[in-house]
Protein backbone atom coordinates (compact mmCIF):
# COMPACT_ATOMS: atom_id res chain seq x y z
CA MET A 1 5.46 -21.40 -46.60
CA SER A 2 6.24 -21.35 -42.88
CA GLN A 3 6.31 -24.37 -40.58
CA LEU A 4 3.07 -23.19 -38.96
CA GLU A 5 1.23 -23.08 -42.28
CA ASN A 6 2.13 -26.71 -43.01
CA ILE A 7 0.19 -27.99 -39.99
CA SER A 8 -3.31 -29.26 -40.83
CA THR A 9 -4.70 -28.63 -37.35
CA PRO A 10 -4.77 -25.07 -35.98
CA PRO A 11 -1.27 -24.23 -34.66
CA VAL A 12 -0.63 -23.52 -30.98
CA ILE A 13 2.05 -21.41 -29.36
CA THR A 14 2.39 -22.09 -25.64
CA ILE A 15 3.79 -19.58 -23.17
CA ASP A 16 4.44 -21.10 -19.76
CA GLY A 17 6.14 -19.61 -16.74
CA PRO A 18 5.88 -18.72 -13.05
CA ALA A 19 3.64 -16.11 -11.45
CA GLY A 20 4.36 -12.54 -12.53
CA SER A 21 6.59 -13.48 -15.45
CA GLY A 22 4.43 -11.51 -17.88
CA LYS A 23 2.86 -14.47 -19.68
CA GLY A 24 -0.55 -12.83 -20.00
CA THR A 25 0.77 -9.54 -21.36
CA ILE A 26 3.04 -11.22 -23.89
CA ALA A 27 0.40 -13.74 -24.95
CA LYS A 28 -2.16 -11.01 -25.54
CA GLN A 29 0.19 -8.90 -27.67
CA VAL A 30 1.42 -11.85 -29.72
CA ALA A 31 -2.17 -12.98 -30.30
CA GLN A 32 -3.13 -9.49 -31.45
CA GLN A 33 -0.24 -9.28 -33.89
CA LEU A 34 -0.95 -12.72 -35.37
CA GLY A 35 -4.73 -12.37 -35.27
CA TRP A 36 -5.02 -15.61 -33.28
CA HIS A 37 -7.21 -16.74 -30.38
CA ILE A 38 -5.89 -16.61 -26.82
CA LEU A 39 -6.27 -18.91 -23.81
CA ASP A 40 -5.56 -17.54 -20.35
CA SER A 41 -5.56 -20.88 -18.53
CA GLY A 42 -4.81 -19.23 -15.21
CA ALA A 43 -8.12 -17.38 -15.43
CA LEU A 44 -9.97 -20.70 -15.43
CA TYR A 45 -8.36 -21.69 -12.14
CA ARG A 46 -8.98 -18.22 -10.70
CA LEU A 47 -12.62 -18.44 -11.79
CA THR A 48 -12.93 -21.83 -10.11
CA ALA A 49 -11.39 -20.34 -6.97
CA LEU A 50 -13.74 -17.34 -7.02
CA ALA A 51 -16.79 -19.56 -7.53
CA ALA A 52 -15.65 -21.73 -4.62
CA LEU A 53 -15.10 -18.69 -2.39
CA GLN A 54 -18.51 -17.28 -3.26
CA SER A 55 -20.16 -20.60 -2.38
CA ASN A 56 -18.02 -21.20 0.73
CA ILE A 57 -16.62 -24.45 -0.66
CA ALA A 58 -13.76 -25.91 1.36
CA ILE A 59 -10.42 -26.39 -0.39
CA ASP A 60 -10.48 -30.11 0.51
CA ASP A 61 -13.93 -30.70 -1.03
CA ILE A 62 -12.41 -32.12 -4.20
CA ALA A 63 -15.63 -33.50 -5.68
CA THR A 64 -17.42 -30.17 -5.46
CA LEU A 65 -14.42 -28.20 -6.71
CA SER A 66 -14.10 -30.52 -9.71
CA HIS A 67 -17.83 -30.13 -10.45
CA ILE A 68 -17.48 -26.34 -10.31
CA ALA A 69 -14.47 -26.41 -12.65
CA GLU A 70 -16.23 -28.63 -15.18
CA ASN A 71 -19.41 -26.53 -15.21
CA LEU A 72 -18.12 -22.96 -15.02
CA ASP A 73 -20.64 -20.51 -16.51
CA VAL A 74 -18.02 -18.18 -17.94
CA VAL A 75 -17.83 -15.79 -20.86
CA PHE A 76 -14.52 -14.36 -22.10
CA LYS A 77 -14.60 -11.02 -23.88
CA PRO A 78 -11.60 -9.07 -25.24
CA ASP A 79 -11.14 -6.97 -22.09
CA SER A 80 -13.48 -8.57 -19.56
CA ILE A 81 -14.51 -11.89 -18.01
CA TYR A 82 -17.99 -12.81 -16.78
CA LEU A 83 -18.89 -15.51 -14.26
CA GLU A 84 -22.58 -16.41 -14.09
CA GLY A 85 -23.41 -13.17 -15.89
CA LYS A 86 -21.41 -10.90 -13.57
CA GLU A 87 -18.16 -9.19 -14.53
CA VAL A 88 -15.28 -10.55 -12.44
CA THR A 89 -12.30 -9.22 -14.41
CA LEU A 90 -10.74 -7.49 -11.40
CA ALA A 91 -12.13 -9.83 -8.74
CA ILE A 92 -10.16 -12.82 -10.02
CA ARG A 93 -6.94 -10.77 -10.01
CA GLN A 94 -7.07 -10.21 -6.26
CA GLU A 95 -4.11 -11.84 -4.50
CA ALA A 96 -6.43 -13.83 -2.22
CA CYS A 97 -8.13 -15.35 -5.24
CA GLY A 98 -4.77 -16.07 -6.85
CA ASN A 99 -3.51 -17.89 -3.77
CA ILE A 100 -6.62 -20.09 -3.61
CA ALA A 101 -6.33 -20.73 -7.34
CA SER A 102 -2.73 -21.91 -6.88
CA LYS A 103 -3.89 -24.41 -4.23
CA ILE A 104 -6.81 -25.60 -6.36
CA ALA A 105 -4.48 -26.01 -9.36
CA ALA A 106 -2.54 -28.64 -7.39
CA ILE A 107 -5.62 -30.91 -7.30
CA ALA A 108 -5.38 -33.52 -10.07
CA GLU A 109 -9.16 -33.92 -10.33
CA VAL A 110 -9.65 -30.19 -10.92
CA ARG A 111 -6.94 -30.15 -13.58
CA ALA A 112 -8.59 -33.11 -15.30
CA ALA A 113 -11.96 -31.33 -15.22
CA LEU A 114 -10.48 -28.32 -17.03
CA LEU A 115 -8.24 -30.17 -19.48
CA GLN A 116 -10.67 -30.66 -22.37
CA ARG A 117 -12.15 -27.19 -21.90
CA GLN A 118 -8.68 -25.75 -22.44
CA ARG A 119 -8.02 -27.91 -25.49
CA ASN A 120 -11.29 -26.73 -27.03
CA PHE A 121 -9.72 -23.29 -27.44
CA GLN A 122 -7.55 -24.67 -30.26
CA GLN A 123 -9.33 -23.15 -33.23
CA ALA A 124 -8.29 -21.63 -36.57
CA PRO A 125 -6.31 -19.63 -37.42
CA GLY A 126 -4.29 -20.46 -34.30
CA LEU A 127 -4.03 -20.22 -30.52
CA ILE A 128 -1.70 -18.54 -28.04
CA ALA A 129 -2.01 -20.45 -24.76
CA ASP A 130 -0.45 -19.15 -21.56
CA GLY A 131 -0.22 -20.95 -18.26
CA ARG A 132 2.01 -23.33 -16.35
CA ASP A 133 1.52 -26.64 -18.13
CA MET A 134 0.45 -25.59 -21.62
CA GLY A 135 3.53 -27.00 -23.35
CA THR A 136 3.99 -30.03 -21.10
CA VAL A 137 0.43 -31.33 -20.61
CA VAL A 138 -2.37 -29.42 -22.34
CA PHE A 139 -0.71 -28.94 -25.76
CA PRO A 140 2.35 -31.25 -25.76
CA ASN A 141 2.44 -31.19 -29.58
CA ALA A 142 2.39 -27.39 -29.85
CA SER A 143 4.36 -26.07 -32.81
CA THR A 144 6.21 -23.50 -30.67
CA LYS A 145 6.82 -23.54 -26.92
CA ILE A 146 8.07 -20.65 -24.82
CA TYR A 147 9.04 -20.71 -21.14
CA LEU A 148 9.03 -17.15 -19.84
CA THR A 149 10.71 -16.35 -16.56
CA ALA A 150 12.31 -13.50 -14.56
CA THR A 151 13.83 -12.98 -11.13
CA VAL A 152 11.49 -13.10 -8.14
CA GLU A 153 12.20 -9.44 -7.36
CA GLU A 154 11.39 -8.31 -10.89
CA ARG A 155 8.21 -10.36 -10.99
CA ALA A 156 7.09 -8.91 -7.67
CA LYS A 157 7.69 -5.36 -8.95
CA ARG A 158 5.63 -6.07 -12.06
CA ARG A 159 2.81 -7.55 -9.99
CA LEU A 160 2.87 -4.53 -7.68
CA ASN A 161 2.56 -2.14 -10.62
CA GLN A 162 -0.27 -4.22 -12.06
CA LEU A 163 -2.15 -4.20 -8.77
CA LYS A 164 -1.65 -0.45 -8.38
CA GLN A 165 -3.10 0.13 -11.85
CA ASN A 166 -6.17 -1.81 -10.76
CA LYS A 167 -6.26 0.18 -7.50
CA ILE A 168 -5.47 -2.88 -5.39
CA SER A 169 -3.15 -2.28 -2.43
CA ALA A 170 -0.11 -4.49 -1.82
CA SER A 171 3.47 -4.29 -0.57
CA LEU A 172 6.61 -5.43 -2.36
CA PRO A 173 8.00 -7.62 0.51
CA HIS A 174 4.63 -9.34 0.83
CA LEU A 175 4.43 -9.99 -2.91
CA ILE A 176 7.97 -11.40 -3.00
CA LYS A 177 7.06 -13.85 -0.25
CA GLU A 178 3.76 -14.77 -1.94
CA ILE A 179 5.48 -15.39 -5.29
CA GLN A 180 8.18 -17.55 -3.68
CA THR A 181 5.49 -19.61 -1.94
CA ARG A 182 3.48 -19.95 -5.14
CA ASP A 183 6.59 -20.93 -7.13
CA ALA A 184 7.38 -23.70 -4.64
CA ARG A 185 3.79 -24.96 -4.72
CA ASP A 186 3.56 -24.88 -8.52
CA MET A 187 6.94 -26.51 -9.13
CA ASN A 188 6.56 -29.27 -6.55
CA ARG A 189 2.94 -30.35 -7.02
CA GLN A 190 2.45 -33.94 -8.11
CA SER A 191 0.00 -33.13 -10.91
CA ALA A 192 1.43 -31.21 -13.88
CA PRO A 193 4.20 -29.33 -12.03
CA LEU A 194 5.47 -26.05 -13.44
CA LYS A 195 8.53 -26.69 -15.60
CA ALA A 196 9.85 -25.87 -19.03
CA ALA A 197 9.01 -28.39 -21.74
CA ASP A 198 12.07 -30.20 -23.09
CA ASP A 199 11.63 -28.48 -26.45
CA ALA A 200 10.75 -25.03 -25.09
CA LEU A 201 12.74 -21.87 -25.68
CA ILE A 202 13.53 -20.31 -22.30
CA ILE A 203 13.36 -16.50 -22.22
CA ASP A 204 14.52 -14.59 -19.13
CA SER A 205 12.73 -11.26 -19.36
CA SER A 206 14.26 -9.71 -16.22
CA ASP A 207 16.08 -7.06 -18.24
CA MET A 208 13.84 -7.02 -21.31
CA SER A 209 11.01 -4.71 -22.29
CA ILE A 210 7.60 -6.04 -23.30
CA GLU A 211 8.36 -5.09 -26.91
CA GLN A 212 11.65 -7.03 -26.87
CA VAL A 213 9.99 -10.17 -25.50
CA VAL A 214 7.15 -9.98 -28.04
CA LYS A 215 9.69 -9.58 -30.84
CA SER A 216 11.64 -12.61 -29.60
CA VAL A 217 8.51 -14.77 -29.48
CA LEU A 218 7.41 -13.69 -32.97
CA GLN A 219 10.87 -14.44 -34.37
CA VAL A 220 10.68 -17.96 -32.98
CA CYS A 221 7.23 -18.43 -34.51
CA GLN A 222 8.48 -17.54 -37.96
């Protein structure tokens, strides 16, 4: 019997890392192979950002932003996300939305409003949770913790390809600058800064294929 099977509560595998490191792709594939649930925590912050943009809420209106985060009318489906009944799968992946989400994520009150909602995703048979503080704050007792990273240049290239696939225009130099800015903001914020958990396995995927990373994560799980 594996270590995961000995845990009475549903096991959690956390995959943290900076923007463009491939957390979402890896988490989705690992979840599919294990037959587990998945939590894209970044989507919750992007949804909060989109809702704020749609309602013209200022970034310094902390009370309203926290209320929005706590009461998001959102539905997650395998390949789509709905906010207040409207599909926003591509809308929340726009760079403008991502930048606002990064700023909102630095607000302690917003993070607190989303904390329990994220923990509620822990259901049988298990959960793959990707984000920036999954292993350090949201699921500190997770059975397996991964910190996925890559060079800034490689992450920017991946983001560019992703945006092109979704028919969203962007330039590589601009994306490199945006990722560097977001890294600095995420790593230096006072509330739940981006960092590897002390007991996390750090994987640098700069020169690895998706399949190789997935295999590495699955090996750690077993």
